[in-house]
Amino acid sequence: MLGEPIRDRRAERREATRAEILDAAWEQVRESGLAALSLRDLARTVGMQPPSLYSYFDSKNAIYDAMYAQGVQAFIDDQPAALPERAVEALKVMAHYFVGFCTADPARYQLLFQRTIPGFEPSAESYETSKQGLARTAGLLAGFGITEPRSLDLYTALVTGLTDQQISNDPGGRRWIGIVDDAMEMFYEHTTDKTSTRTKGRRTK
């Protein structure tokens, strides 16, 4: 029909190949570790010669960057759509989501939240998405009456610390996942005004 957009099949094939490369990269790092990403093995997996990879990604770090962007977007997209009204219960849901997301895929966790790869820094574009995710968390905490920047730092330290312990010392188990609720109760008590009875326990409007 007249007026229908013309498909750019070459661009579609290119994007499909990029996606295939990234899928293979994730499979490789989940099996062998984040730092073990091999362009030669990656090329072999997707059926091309190693130099051909550079037609899609100009360096290994560019592949890491695209993986980083994918991981951050997945973290944002998969967050709970709604939270409990009581602030402390909402904090527990948030923390369980973070720890669960990270422990489900340790390689992705290392890429997003640790400096595992020497010399790799996410691009400004990829990191902007990450900053938006952190800003959303800060906004949620502010809605609970938790507004100090150091409180956001404490929250992220708690959830990443629990994640680190779970992955390092009880992989596949629930030892540190099992104390997420306790950590959030202590965090809430520590960071909120204990003399306030009018708003405590519910999100501020």
N, C-alpha and C. Protein backbone atom coordinates (compact mmCIF):
# COMPACT_ATOMS: atom_id res chain seq x y z
N MET A 1 0.85 -1.20 0.00
CA MET A 1 0.00 0.00 0.00
C MET A 1 0.87 1.23 0.00
N LEU A 2 0.34 2.26 -0.67
CA LEU A 2 1.07 3.52 -0.69
C LEU A 2 1.15 4.10 0.71
N GLY A 3 2.25 4.71 1.03
CA GLY A 3 2.40 5.35 2.33
C GLY A 3 2.99 4.47 3.39
N GLU A 4 3.08 3.16 3.15
CA GLU A 4 3.69 2.27 4.14
C GLU A 4 5.20 2.47 4.15
N PRO A 5 5.83 2.50 5.32
CA PRO A 5 7.29 2.68 5.38
C PRO A 5 8.01 1.50 4.74
N ILE A 6 9.13 1.80 4.11
CA ILE A 6 9.95 0.76 3.50
C ILE A 6 10.88 0.18 4.55
N ARG A 7 10.85 -1.15 4.68
CA ARG A 7 11.70 -1.81 5.69
C ARG A 7 13.16 -1.73 5.28
N ASP A 8 13.99 -1.42 6.26
CA ASP A 8 15.43 -1.43 6.03
C ASP A 8 15.93 -2.81 6.44
N ARG A 9 15.91 -3.74 5.48
CA ARG A 9 16.23 -5.12 5.79
C ARG A 9 17.70 -5.26 6.19
N ARG A 10 18.56 -4.46 5.62
CA ARG A 10 19.97 -4.54 5.99
C ARG A 10 20.16 -4.16 7.45
N ALA A 11 19.47 -3.10 7.89
CA ALA A 11 19.56 -2.69 9.29
C ALA A 11 18.96 -3.75 10.21
N GLU A 12 17.87 -4.37 9.77
CA GLU A 12 17.25 -5.42 10.57
C GLU A 12 18.19 -6.61 10.74
N ARG A 13 18.86 -7.00 9.64
CA ARG A 13 19.81 -8.12 9.73
C ARG A 13 20.99 -7.76 10.63
N ARG A 14 21.42 -6.51 10.54
CA ARG A 14 22.54 -6.08 11.39
C ARG A 14 22.17 -6.15 12.86
N GLU A 15 20.98 -5.65 13.20
CA GLU A 15 20.53 -5.68 14.59
C GLU A 15 20.34 -7.11 15.07
N ALA A 16 19.85 -7.97 14.19
CA ALA A 16 19.67 -9.37 14.57
C ALA A 16 21.03 -10.03 14.85
N THR A 17 22.03 -9.69 14.05
CA THR A 17 23.36 -10.26 14.27
C THR A 17 23.97 -9.72 15.55
N ARG A 18 23.80 -8.43 15.81
CA ARG A 18 24.30 -7.86 17.08
C ARG A 18 23.64 -8.56 18.26
N ALA A 19 22.35 -8.79 18.17
CA ALA A 19 21.65 -9.47 19.26
C ALA A 19 22.17 -10.89 19.45
N GLU A 20 22.45 -11.57 18.34
CA GLU A 20 22.99 -12.92 18.41
C GLU A 20 24.37 -12.92 19.08
N ILE A 21 25.19 -11.94 18.73
CA ILE A 21 26.52 -11.83 19.35
C ILE A 21 26.40 -11.59 20.84
N LEU A 22 25.50 -10.71 21.23
CA LEU A 22 25.34 -10.41 22.66
C LEU A 22 24.79 -11.62 23.41
N ASP A 23 23.84 -12.34 22.82
CA ASP A 23 23.33 -13.55 23.46
C ASP A 23 24.46 -14.55 23.69
N ALA A 24 25.32 -14.69 22.69
CA ALA A 24 26.44 -15.62 22.82
C ALA A 24 27.44 -15.14 23.87
N ALA A 25 27.62 -13.82 23.94
CA ALA A 25 28.53 -13.26 24.94
C ALA A 25 28.02 -13.53 26.35
N TRP A 26 26.73 -13.33 26.57
CA TRP A 26 26.15 -13.62 27.88
C TRP A 26 26.33 -15.10 28.23
N GLU A 27 26.07 -15.96 27.27
CA GLU A 27 26.22 -17.40 27.52
C GLU A 27 27.66 -17.72 27.91
N GLN A 28 28.61 -17.09 27.23
CA GLN A 28 30.02 -17.36 27.50
C GLN A 28 30.42 -16.90 28.89
N VAL A 29 30.03 -15.68 29.27
CA VAL A 29 30.48 -15.17 30.57
C VAL A 29 29.75 -15.87 31.72
N ARG A 30 28.55 -16.32 31.49
CA ARG A 30 27.86 -17.06 32.54
C ARG A 30 28.50 -18.43 32.77
N GLU A 31 29.09 -18.97 31.74
CA GLU A 31 29.72 -20.27 31.86
C GLU A 31 31.16 -20.17 32.35
N SER A 32 31.91 -19.17 31.86
CA SER A 32 33.35 -19.12 32.11
C SER A 32 33.81 -17.94 32.95
N GLY A 33 32.92 -17.00 33.24
CA GLY A 33 33.30 -15.82 34.01
C GLY A 33 33.37 -14.58 33.15
N LEU A 34 33.11 -13.45 33.78
CA LEU A 34 33.00 -12.19 33.05
C LEU A 34 34.29 -11.81 32.34
N ALA A 35 35.43 -12.01 33.00
CA ALA A 35 36.70 -11.61 32.42
C ALA A 35 37.19 -12.57 31.34
N ALA A 36 36.51 -13.70 31.18
CA ALA A 36 36.98 -14.72 30.24
C ALA A 36 36.39 -14.55 28.84
N LEU A 37 35.69 -13.45 28.60
CA LEU A 37 35.09 -13.23 27.29
C LEU A 37 36.17 -13.27 26.21
N SER A 38 36.00 -14.15 25.24
CA SER A 38 36.98 -14.36 24.18
C SER A 38 36.33 -14.02 22.84
N LEU A 39 36.93 -13.05 22.13
CA LEU A 39 36.38 -12.69 20.83
C LEU A 39 36.49 -13.85 19.84
N ARG A 40 37.56 -14.63 19.92
CA ARG A 40 37.73 -15.76 19.02
C ARG A 40 36.64 -16.80 19.26
N ASP A 41 36.40 -17.13 20.53
CA ASP A 41 35.35 -18.11 20.84
C ASP A 41 33.97 -17.54 20.49
N LEU A 42 33.80 -16.26 20.73
CA LEU A 42 32.52 -15.62 20.43
C LEU A 42 32.23 -15.68 18.93
N ALA A 43 33.25 -15.36 18.13
CA ALA A 43 33.08 -15.42 16.67
C ALA A 43 32.74 -16.83 16.21
N ARG A 44 33.43 -17.81 16.79
CA ARG A 44 33.17 -19.20 16.41
C ARG A 44 31.73 -19.59 16.75
N THR A 45 31.24 -19.13 17.88
CA THR A 45 29.88 -19.48 18.29
C THR A 45 28.84 -18.95 17.32
N VAL A 46 29.04 -17.73 16.83
CA VAL A 46 28.04 -17.13 15.93
C VAL A 46 28.36 -17.40 14.46
N GLY A 47 29.42 -18.19 14.19
CA GLY A 47 29.71 -18.60 12.83
C GLY A 47 30.36 -17.55 11.96
N MET A 48 31.28 -16.77 12.52
CA MET A 48 32.00 -15.78 11.72
C MET A 48 33.46 -15.76 12.12
N GLN A 49 34.29 -15.15 11.31
CA GLN A 49 35.70 -14.97 11.62
C GLN A 49 35.85 -13.84 12.63
N PRO A 50 36.83 -13.93 13.55
CA PRO A 50 37.00 -12.89 14.57
C PRO A 50 37.04 -11.46 14.02
N PRO A 51 37.75 -11.19 12.91
CA PRO A 51 37.75 -9.80 12.41
C PRO A 51 36.37 -9.29 12.04
N SER A 52 35.46 -10.19 11.69
CA SER A 52 34.11 -9.77 11.30
C SER A 52 33.33 -9.19 12.48
N LEU A 53 33.71 -9.58 13.70
CA LEU A 53 33.02 -9.02 14.87
C LEU A 53 33.16 -7.51 14.92
N TYR A 54 34.28 -7.00 14.42
CA TYR A 54 34.52 -5.57 14.49
C TYR A 54 33.60 -4.78 13.57
N SER A 55 32.88 -5.47 12.69
CA SER A 55 31.85 -4.80 11.89
C SER A 55 30.63 -4.46 12.72
N TYR A 56 30.53 -5.12 13.90
CA TYR A 56 29.36 -4.93 14.75
C TYR A 56 29.70 -4.26 16.08
N PHE A 57 30.89 -4.54 16.59
CA PHE A 57 31.38 -3.92 17.83
C PHE A 57 32.86 -3.61 17.61
N ASP A 58 33.26 -2.37 17.90
CA ASP A 58 34.63 -1.97 17.55
C ASP A 58 35.68 -2.43 18.54
N SER A 59 35.25 -3.05 19.65
CA SER A 59 36.21 -3.55 20.63
C SER A 59 35.50 -4.50 21.58
N LYS A 60 36.28 -5.23 22.36
CA LYS A 60 35.68 -6.07 23.39
C LYS A 60 34.91 -5.21 24.41
N ASN A 61 35.47 -4.05 24.74
CA ASN A 61 34.77 -3.17 25.69
C ASN A 61 33.44 -2.69 25.14
N ALA A 62 33.34 -2.55 23.82
CA ALA A 62 32.06 -2.17 23.23
C ALA A 62 31.01 -3.26 23.43
N ILE A 63 31.46 -4.52 23.41
CA ILE A 63 30.55 -5.62 23.70
C ILE A 63 30.13 -5.57 25.16
N TYR A 64 31.10 -5.37 26.04
CA TYR A 64 30.76 -5.22 27.46
C TYR A 64 29.78 -4.07 27.67
N ASP A 65 29.98 -2.98 26.96
CA ASP A 65 29.12 -1.82 27.13
C ASP A 65 27.68 -2.14 26.70
N ALA A 66 27.55 -2.84 25.58
CA ALA A 66 26.21 -3.21 25.13
C ALA A 66 25.56 -4.18 26.11
N MET A 67 26.35 -5.08 26.69
CA MET A 67 25.83 -5.99 27.70
C MET A 67 25.42 -5.22 28.95
N TYR A 68 26.23 -4.24 29.33
CA TYR A 68 25.91 -3.40 30.48
C TYR A 68 24.57 -2.70 30.26
N ALA A 69 24.40 -2.12 29.07
CA ALA A 69 23.15 -1.42 28.77
C ALA A 69 21.96 -2.37 28.84
N GLN A 70 22.13 -3.57 28.31
CA GLN A 70 21.06 -4.57 28.39
C GLN A 70 20.72 -4.91 29.83
N GLY A 71 21.76 -5.11 30.64
CA GLY A 71 21.54 -5.48 32.03
C GLY A 71 20.83 -4.40 32.82
N VAL A 72 21.26 -3.16 32.64
CA VAL A 72 20.62 -2.05 33.34
C VAL A 72 19.16 -1.93 32.93
N GLN A 73 18.90 -2.04 31.64
CA GLN A 73 17.52 -1.92 31.17
C GLN A 73 16.65 -3.03 31.73
N ALA A 74 17.20 -4.25 31.80
CA ALA A 74 16.45 -5.35 32.38
C ALA A 74 16.15 -5.09 33.85
N PHE A 75 17.12 -4.53 34.57
CA PHE A 75 16.91 -4.23 35.99
C PHE A 75 15.77 -3.22 36.15
N ILE A 76 15.74 -2.21 35.29
CA ILE A 76 14.69 -1.20 35.37
C ILE A 76 13.34 -1.77 34.96
N ASP A 77 13.33 -2.51 33.86
CA ASP A 77 12.07 -3.01 33.32
C ASP A 77 11.39 -4.03 34.21
N ASP A 78 12.18 -4.81 34.95
CA ASP A 78 11.63 -5.90 35.73
C ASP A 78 11.26 -5.51 37.16
N GLN A 79 11.45 -4.25 37.52
CA GLN A 79 11.14 -3.83 38.89
C GLN A 79 9.65 -3.98 39.17
N PRO A 80 9.30 -4.21 40.43
CA PRO A 80 7.88 -4.35 40.78
C PRO A 80 7.08 -3.13 40.35
N ALA A 81 5.93 -3.39 39.75
CA ALA A 81 5.09 -2.29 39.26
C ALA A 81 4.45 -1.50 40.39
N ALA A 82 4.22 -2.16 41.51
CA ALA A 82 3.59 -1.50 42.66
C ALA A 82 4.27 -1.97 43.93
N LEU A 83 4.27 -1.08 44.93
CA LEU A 83 4.89 -1.39 46.21
C LEU A 83 3.84 -1.30 47.31
N PRO A 84 4.05 -2.01 48.42
CA PRO A 84 3.13 -1.90 49.56
C PRO A 84 3.05 -0.46 50.07
N GLU A 85 1.95 -0.13 50.69
CA GLU A 85 1.76 1.22 51.20
C GLU A 85 2.69 1.51 52.38
N ARG A 86 2.87 0.54 53.27
CA ARG A 86 3.75 0.76 54.41
C ARG A 86 5.19 0.82 53.94
N ALA A 87 5.87 1.86 54.37
CA ALA A 87 7.22 2.12 53.86
C ALA A 87 8.18 0.97 54.12
N VAL A 88 8.17 0.44 55.32
CA VAL A 88 9.13 -0.61 55.64
C VAL A 88 8.87 -1.87 54.82
N GLU A 89 7.61 -2.15 54.53
CA GLU A 89 7.29 -3.29 53.70
C GLU A 89 7.70 -3.03 52.25
N ALA A 90 7.54 -1.80 51.80
CA ALA A 90 7.98 -1.45 50.45
C ALA A 90 9.50 -1.60 50.32
N LEU A 91 10.21 -1.18 51.36
CA LEU A 91 11.67 -1.34 51.34
C LEU A 91 12.07 -2.80 51.24
N LYS A 92 11.35 -3.66 51.92
CA LYS A 92 11.65 -5.09 51.85
C LYS A 92 11.45 -5.62 50.43
N VAL A 93 10.36 -5.19 49.78
CA VAL A 93 10.10 -5.64 48.41
C VAL A 93 11.21 -5.14 47.49
N MET A 94 11.60 -3.88 47.64
CA MET A 94 12.67 -3.32 46.81
C MET A 94 13.98 -4.09 47.00
N ALA A 95 14.32 -4.35 48.25
CA ALA A 95 15.59 -5.03 48.54
C ALA A 95 15.57 -6.47 48.05
N HIS A 96 14.45 -7.16 48.24
CA HIS A 96 14.36 -8.53 47.75
C HIS A 96 14.47 -8.56 46.23
N TYR A 97 13.88 -7.57 45.57
CA TYR A 97 14.00 -7.53 44.11
C TYR A 97 15.46 -7.37 43.71
N PHE A 98 16.16 -6.42 44.34
CA PHE A 98 17.56 -6.18 43.98
C PHE A 98 18.40 -7.43 44.21
N VAL A 99 18.31 -8.00 45.39
CA VAL A 99 19.14 -9.17 45.71
C VAL A 99 18.77 -10.35 44.83
N GLY A 100 17.48 -10.54 44.57
CA GLY A 100 17.06 -11.64 43.72
C GLY A 100 17.52 -11.47 42.28
N PHE A 101 17.41 -10.24 41.76
CA PHE A 101 17.86 -9.97 40.39
C PHE A 101 19.35 -10.26 40.26
N CYS A 102 20.11 -9.84 41.25
CA CYS A 102 21.57 -9.98 41.17
C CYS A 102 22.03 -11.41 41.38
N THR A 103 21.46 -12.10 42.35
CA THR A 103 21.91 -13.46 42.62
C THR A 103 21.46 -14.43 41.54
N ALA A 104 20.43 -14.06 40.79
CA ALA A 104 19.98 -14.92 39.70
C ALA A 104 20.99 -14.99 38.56
N ASP A 105 21.87 -13.99 38.48
CA ASP A 105 22.84 -13.93 37.38
C ASP A 105 24.10 -13.23 37.88
N PRO A 106 24.99 -13.96 38.56
CA PRO A 106 26.18 -13.33 39.15
C PRO A 106 27.06 -12.60 38.13
N ALA A 107 27.17 -13.12 36.90
CA ALA A 107 27.99 -12.45 35.89
C ALA A 107 27.41 -11.07 35.57
N ARG A 108 26.11 -11.01 35.44
CA ARG A 108 25.45 -9.72 35.17
C ARG A 108 25.62 -8.77 36.36
N TYR A 109 25.50 -9.31 37.56
CA TYR A 109 25.71 -8.49 38.76
C TYR A 109 27.11 -7.89 38.78
N GLN A 110 28.11 -8.70 38.47
CA GLN A 110 29.48 -8.20 38.47
C GLN A 110 29.65 -7.10 37.44
N LEU A 111 29.05 -7.26 36.28
CA LEU A 111 29.19 -6.25 35.23
C LEU A 111 28.52 -4.94 35.63
N LEU A 112 27.34 -5.03 36.24
CA LEU A 112 26.57 -3.83 36.55
C LEU A 112 27.04 -3.12 37.81
N PHE A 113 27.47 -3.88 38.81
CA PHE A 113 27.65 -3.28 40.13
C PHE A 113 29.05 -3.44 40.72
N GLN A 114 29.95 -4.09 40.00
CA GLN A 114 31.32 -4.21 40.48
C GLN A 114 32.29 -3.81 39.38
N ARG A 115 33.50 -3.45 39.75
CA ARG A 115 34.53 -3.09 38.76
C ARG A 115 35.41 -4.31 38.53
N THR A 116 34.87 -5.25 37.79
CA THR A 116 35.52 -6.54 37.60
C THR A 116 36.49 -6.53 36.42
N ILE A 117 36.20 -5.72 35.41
CA ILE A 117 36.95 -5.76 34.16
C ILE A 117 37.93 -4.59 34.12
N PRO A 118 39.23 -4.84 34.20
CA PRO A 118 40.21 -3.75 34.16
C PRO A 118 40.06 -2.92 32.89
N GLY A 119 39.99 -1.61 33.07
CA GLY A 119 39.94 -0.71 31.92
C GLY A 119 38.56 -0.47 31.34
N PHE A 120 37.56 -1.19 31.82
CA PHE A 120 36.22 -0.98 31.26
C PHE A 120 35.44 0.05 32.06
N GLU A 121 34.89 1.01 31.35
CA GLU A 121 33.95 1.96 31.92
C GLU A 121 32.76 2.02 30.98
N PRO A 122 31.54 1.99 31.51
CA PRO A 122 30.38 2.09 30.61
C PRO A 122 30.37 3.44 29.90
N SER A 123 29.84 3.45 28.70
CA SER A 123 29.74 4.69 27.95
C SER A 123 28.79 5.65 28.66
N ALA A 124 28.88 6.93 28.28
CA ALA A 124 28.01 7.94 28.89
C ALA A 124 26.54 7.59 28.67
N GLU A 125 26.23 7.09 27.48
CA GLU A 125 24.84 6.74 27.18
C GLU A 125 24.35 5.60 28.05
N SER A 126 25.17 4.56 28.17
CA SER A 126 24.78 3.41 28.99
C SER A 126 24.68 3.80 30.47
N TYR A 127 25.63 4.61 30.93
CA TYR A 127 25.64 4.99 32.33
C TYR A 127 24.49 5.92 32.68
N GLU A 128 24.01 6.68 31.70
CA GLU A 128 22.87 7.55 31.94
C GLU A 128 21.65 6.74 32.35
N THR A 129 21.45 5.61 31.70
CA THR A 129 20.34 4.74 32.08
C THR A 129 20.51 4.24 33.51
N SER A 130 21.75 3.92 33.87
CA SER A 130 22.04 3.47 35.24
C SER A 130 21.72 4.57 36.24
N LYS A 131 22.09 5.81 35.91
CA LYS A 131 21.82 6.92 36.81
C LYS A 131 20.32 7.15 36.98
N GLN A 132 19.57 6.92 35.91
CA GLN A 132 18.11 7.06 36.00
C GLN A 132 17.54 6.02 36.97
N GLY A 133 18.10 4.82 36.93
CA GLY A 133 17.64 3.79 37.86
C GLY A 133 17.93 4.16 39.30
N LEU A 134 19.13 4.71 39.55
CA LEU A 134 19.48 5.13 40.90
C LEU A 134 18.60 6.29 41.35
N ALA A 135 18.30 7.21 40.42
CA ALA A 135 17.43 8.34 40.75
C ALA A 135 16.03 7.86 41.12
N ARG A 136 15.58 6.81 40.46
CA ARG A 136 14.26 6.25 40.81
C ARG A 136 14.28 5.70 42.23
N THR A 137 15.34 5.00 42.58
CA THR A 137 15.46 4.48 43.94
C THR A 137 15.48 5.62 44.94
N ALA A 138 16.25 6.67 44.63
CA ALA A 138 16.29 7.83 45.53
C ALA A 138 14.92 8.45 45.69
N GLY A 139 14.16 8.51 44.60
CA GLY A 139 12.82 9.07 44.67
C GLY A 139 11.89 8.23 45.53
N LEU A 140 12.01 6.92 45.44
CA LEU A 140 11.20 6.05 46.27
C LEU A 140 11.54 6.22 47.75
N LEU A 141 12.84 6.29 48.04
CA LEU A 141 13.24 6.51 49.44
C LEU A 141 12.71 7.85 49.95
N ALA A 142 12.78 8.87 49.10
CA ALA A 142 12.27 10.18 49.51
C ALA A 142 10.78 10.11 49.82
N GLY A 143 10.07 9.27 49.07
CA GLY A 143 8.65 9.10 49.34
C GLY A 143 8.38 8.44 50.67
N PHE A 144 9.37 7.77 51.22
CA PHE A 144 9.25 7.16 52.55
C PHE A 144 9.77 8.10 53.64
N GLY A 145 10.15 9.32 53.26
CA GLY A 145 10.72 10.27 54.21
C GLY A 145 12.21 10.09 54.42
N ILE A 146 12.87 9.33 53.56
CA ILE A 146 14.31 9.09 53.67
C ILE A 146 15.00 9.89 52.58
N THR A 147 15.54 11.03 52.95
CA THR A 147 16.00 11.99 51.94
C THR A 147 17.49 12.29 51.98
N GLU A 148 18.20 11.89 53.03
CA GLU A 148 19.62 12.20 53.12
C GLU A 148 20.41 11.40 52.09
N PRO A 149 21.31 12.05 51.36
CA PRO A 149 22.13 11.32 50.37
C PRO A 149 22.88 10.14 50.99
N ARG A 150 23.33 10.29 52.24
CA ARG A 150 24.05 9.20 52.87
C ARG A 150 23.13 8.01 53.14
N SER A 151 21.84 8.26 53.25
CA SER A 151 20.90 7.15 53.45
C SER A 151 20.77 6.32 52.18
N LEU A 152 20.80 6.99 51.02
CA LEU A 152 20.82 6.25 49.75
C LEU A 152 22.09 5.41 49.66
N ASP A 153 23.22 5.99 50.07
CA ASP A 153 24.47 5.24 50.07
C ASP A 153 24.38 4.02 50.99
N LEU A 154 23.76 4.22 52.15
CA LEU A 154 23.62 3.11 53.10
C LEU A 154 22.73 2.02 52.52
N TYR A 155 21.64 2.42 51.88
CA TYR A 155 20.74 1.43 51.27
C TYR A 155 21.48 0.60 50.22
N THR A 156 22.19 1.27 49.31
CA THR A 156 22.89 0.53 48.26
C THR A 156 23.99 -0.34 48.85
N ALA A 157 24.64 0.15 49.91
CA ALA A 157 25.67 -0.67 50.56
C ALA A 157 25.07 -1.93 51.17
N LEU A 158 23.90 -1.80 51.76
CA LEU A 158 23.25 -2.95 52.37
C LEU A 158 22.85 -3.99 51.33
N VAL A 159 22.18 -3.55 50.28
CA VAL A 159 21.68 -4.54 49.32
C VAL A 159 22.81 -5.18 48.51
N THR A 160 23.83 -4.39 48.19
CA THR A 160 24.96 -5.01 47.48
C THR A 160 25.78 -5.89 48.41
N GLY A 161 25.88 -5.49 49.68
CA GLY A 161 26.60 -6.32 50.64
C GLY A 161 25.93 -7.66 50.84
N LEU A 162 24.61 -7.66 50.97
CA LEU A 162 23.87 -8.91 51.10
C LEU A 162 24.04 -9.77 49.85
N THR A 163 24.01 -9.10 48.70
CA THR A 163 24.21 -9.83 47.44
C THR A 163 25.59 -10.46 47.38
N ASP A 164 26.62 -9.68 47.71
CA ASP A 164 27.99 -10.20 47.70
C ASP A 164 28.13 -11.42 48.60
N GLN A 165 27.61 -11.30 49.80
CA GLN A 165 27.70 -12.41 50.75
C GLN A 165 26.99 -13.65 50.22
N GLN A 166 25.80 -13.45 49.65
CA GLN A 166 25.02 -14.58 49.16
C GLN A 166 25.75 -15.29 48.02
N ILE A 167 26.26 -14.50 47.07
CA ILE A 167 26.94 -15.09 45.91
C ILE A 167 28.26 -15.74 46.32
N SER A 168 28.99 -15.08 47.22
CA SER A 168 30.33 -15.56 47.58
C SER A 168 30.30 -16.74 48.53
N ASN A 169 29.38 -16.73 49.48
CA ASN A 169 29.45 -17.69 50.58
C ASN A 169 28.33 -18.71 50.63
N ASP A 170 27.27 -18.49 49.86
CA ASP A 170 26.18 -19.47 49.86
C ASP A 170 25.50 -19.48 48.49
N PRO A 171 26.29 -19.71 47.42
CA PRO A 171 25.70 -19.66 46.08
C PRO A 171 24.59 -20.69 45.92
N GLY A 172 23.47 -20.20 45.41
CA GLY A 172 22.32 -21.08 45.23
C GLY A 172 21.48 -21.26 46.47
N GLY A 173 21.94 -20.72 47.61
CA GLY A 173 21.19 -20.85 48.86
C GLY A 173 20.39 -19.61 49.19
N ARG A 174 20.07 -19.46 50.48
CA ARG A 174 19.24 -18.33 50.91
C ARG A 174 19.72 -17.73 52.23
N ARG A 175 20.95 -18.01 52.62
CA ARG A 175 21.41 -17.58 53.94
C ARG A 175 21.29 -16.07 54.11
N TRP A 176 21.82 -15.29 53.16
CA TRP A 176 21.77 -13.83 53.28
C TRP A 176 20.47 -13.26 52.73
N ILE A 177 19.86 -13.94 51.78
CA ILE A 177 18.53 -13.53 51.35
C ILE A 177 17.57 -13.58 52.53
N GLY A 178 17.79 -14.53 53.40
CA GLY A 178 16.91 -14.70 54.54
C GLY A 178 16.98 -13.59 55.57
N ILE A 179 17.97 -12.71 55.50
CA ILE A 179 18.04 -11.61 56.46
C ILE A 179 17.79 -10.25 55.80
N VAL A 180 17.28 -10.27 54.55
CA VAL A 180 16.95 -9.02 53.87
C VAL A 180 15.92 -8.22 54.67
N ASP A 181 14.88 -8.89 55.15
CA ASP A 181 13.84 -8.18 55.91
C ASP A 181 14.42 -7.54 57.17
N ASP A 182 15.27 -8.28 57.87
CA ASP A 182 15.89 -7.72 59.08
C ASP A 182 16.71 -6.48 58.74
N ALA A 183 17.46 -6.55 57.65
CA ALA A 183 18.31 -5.42 57.26
C ALA A 183 17.46 -4.20 56.93
N MET A 184 16.35 -4.40 56.24
CA MET A 184 15.50 -3.27 55.88
C MET A 184 14.78 -2.67 57.09
N GLU A 185 14.42 -3.52 58.05
CA GLU A 185 13.81 -2.98 59.27
C GLU A 185 14.81 -2.12 60.03
N MET A 186 16.05 -2.58 60.13
CA MET A 186 17.08 -1.79 60.81
C MET A 186 17.37 -0.51 60.03
N PHE A 187 17.42 -0.63 58.71
CA PHE A 187 17.68 0.55 57.87
C PHE A 187 16.58 1.59 58.07
N TYR A 188 15.34 1.15 58.06
CA TYR A 188 14.22 2.09 58.21
C TYR A 188 14.25 2.76 59.58
N GLU A 189 14.46 1.97 60.61
CA GLU A 189 14.51 2.55 61.96
C GLU A 189 15.66 3.55 62.08
N HIS A 190 16.78 3.24 61.46
CA HIS A 190 17.95 4.11 61.56
C HIS A 190 17.78 5.41 60.80
N THR A 191 17.08 5.38 59.68
CA THR A 191 17.06 6.54 58.79
C THR A 191 15.82 7.41 58.91
N THR A 192 14.84 6.99 59.68
CA THR A 192 13.64 7.81 59.81
C THR A 192 13.60 8.48 61.17
N ASP A 193 12.80 9.53 61.26
CA ASP A 193 12.68 10.31 62.49
C ASP A 193 11.82 9.54 63.47
N LYS A 194 12.44 9.06 64.53
CA LYS A 194 11.71 8.23 65.48
C LYS A 194 10.72 9.01 66.33
N THR A 195 10.78 10.33 66.28
CA THR A 195 9.84 11.12 67.06
C THR A 195 8.58 11.44 66.28
N SER A 196 8.58 11.14 64.96
CA SER A 196 7.42 11.45 64.14
C SER A 196 6.44 10.30 64.17
N THR A 197 5.20 10.57 64.52
CA THR A 197 4.18 9.53 64.53
C THR A 197 3.10 9.80 63.46
N ARG A 198 3.14 10.97 62.87
CA ARG A 198 2.08 11.32 61.93
C ARG A 198 2.27 10.65 60.58
N THR A 199 3.50 10.52 60.12
CA THR A 199 3.74 9.97 58.78
C THR A 199 4.49 8.67 58.81
N LYS A 200 5.07 8.30 59.92
CA LYS A 200 5.89 7.12 59.95
C LYS A 200 5.07 5.88 59.65
N GLY A 201 5.63 5.01 58.81
CA GLY A 201 4.96 3.78 58.46
C GLY A 201 4.19 3.85 57.16
N ARG A 202 3.96 5.08 56.63
CA ARG A 202 3.29 5.21 55.36
C ARG A 202 4.09 6.13 54.46
N ARG A 203 3.94 5.92 53.16
CA ARG A 203 4.65 6.76 52.22
C ARG A 203 4.09 8.18 52.28
N THR A 204 5.00 9.14 52.19
CA THR A 204 4.55 10.52 52.17
C THR A 204 3.98 10.85 50.80
N LYS A 205 3.05 11.77 50.79
CA LYS A 205 2.39 12.13 49.52
C LYS A 205 3.13 13.27 48.85
